[in-house]
């Protein structure tokens, strides 16, 4: 089927373009069940005869359409007589102007969203009838006057068209769609978990803030608000979302970039807008965006409208099942576990992200750091498998990975990569999925990508056999620069990547590659011991918690050296009044090391 769109023009902040309604009516001589395949560059909602069939929010997937164009499949009910296929198209990643910080506004694939569809069913004589997207489909602007994956949605109910997706509506004044050439991505069935509603939350408190009202939902999570209001025609209601307050008002600085020219976007970020048509009780739920929030500031309502039933927090994320949980007699530990699970779920929309408000990016380092806890709590393995298709597409011929996936080209440039602490995701997801699930699919699928990664690591070694690359022990507590030297964290993780790859080659019985990877790991280990460790004192260069804990955790020390190395780590922790003094890489291992040596209480 060919791709079609409502317009050539695409939505911008300066010139909003409405999300298109697209419809096609056809006559069937039989009531039956049809089979639809629908591929979208952007997001879509699918209706047949007014019934919504869309699998969940933000369908079909979030990807670079020059790598993969995702499609979904549905069985739909067809009636005898006139039938109607209805589609609404959102911008998604095809046109993500709100992602300008990562150059998504300059993406080579940026354009209006487009869709390809085919419907197949058998007629009364048993013949196959095929309807596919072409210029006979009709289009009109929808009430979604603009939408952005990161910034929000603007909906004007006065543009609603009654029964637009049902039979019997006259669409003779609708324009014909435009047939488009699709991006160069490979068509792929989306096999990731759909994004679905987990729960609905009511506000626990409403407070007045100047001429607005702040709704507090009690916890931070991800999703959108359903607005239910009896409003005046033309009444403009704005919903702005944030996860904290400052001086009684929303704190926006921590949900978007506030420095320099970027300040101009703070009034509009994470904002959904609704214009009432003034015909009784109206309900609106955004379709093509989501937010991370606890608080919603509502502007444009009066005191009589500021009721608890005005807003409902529709919490949604990938439909993950619980695999494990934890509870004990310590309320602090239980709270940490609950917060961990909620953080994991609010950050999972087809793949893990760094946060559901500020960035919504598939940061490779964040996914690597969290993959083990995800597998302990949930069942993300098929979602990891889907995302890893995109990882392999994003891997450059040199073997380097970008810092975020999907990307439109941003993220390769941090010293030719974000370093082993981020690139390790290529090995970690298959490794931990095998460890916790016994599944080899990800290992087999990535076997060749492993070789490219190993060759890239070799290409980045200096004359001492060390790797000094990337962000290192990022976000060190209370510091702009980490204490752990970059060559320490980079080379230790390069060693660990090679060791895990060697292990996985052993699992799939590729002995030649296993020996090759293990040799690389051994060479890195020797370079670390020769250049970065004082073997007399068992102290790793950097003289800090991260260097010492990583050296112990990843096997840099010999057995006879471990006790001295650990004793010095404890001394460093005591000097900091038993507080952690690490960044993300140190935090990943420090508590494991303490617990393994019998100091669980200190951890």
Foldseek 3Di string as FASTA:
>chain_A
DFKWAADFADADPVRWAFFKKKKDKDAAQAKDKKKKKKWKQAFKWKDKQRHTDDPAFRPDAAADVLAETEIEMDIGIDHHTMMMIIMTGANHLLDANVQVVQPSNVFPNRTHMIMKMWMWDAGPVRDIDIDIDDQNMFMDGAQFRHQHAFAGTEGECVRHDPSSGRPPDDCPVTHTIGGDHGHNHHYDYDPFFAKHFPDKFWFPDWDDDVQKIKTFRPAKFKFWKKFKFQDAAFQKKKKAFAADDDPRHGDQVVQEPCDDPRVVCSVGGRMYMYGDRRDGIDIDGDRRYMAIHRMIIMHRDDPVGPDRVRIMGGGIAGPWDWDAADDDPDVVVNVVRVVLVRQQRRQHHLAGDPHRGHNSWQFQLVCLLCVLVCLNTTPRLVSLVSQVSQQVSQQDQQLAHARTPPHSPGRCPQVRHQALSRSLSLLRSQLSCCVRPVDLVSVVVCLVSLVSNLNNLQVQADPLRFHQGHQFLPPFPPDRHALDHSRLRRLLSSLVSLQSNLVSCVVVVPNVSNVVSNVSSVSSLVSQCVPAADQVQRAGPSLFLQSLQSCQVSPSDDPVSNVSSVVSNVVRCVVVVLDHGTGSNSVSGNQVVCVVVPNNVSD
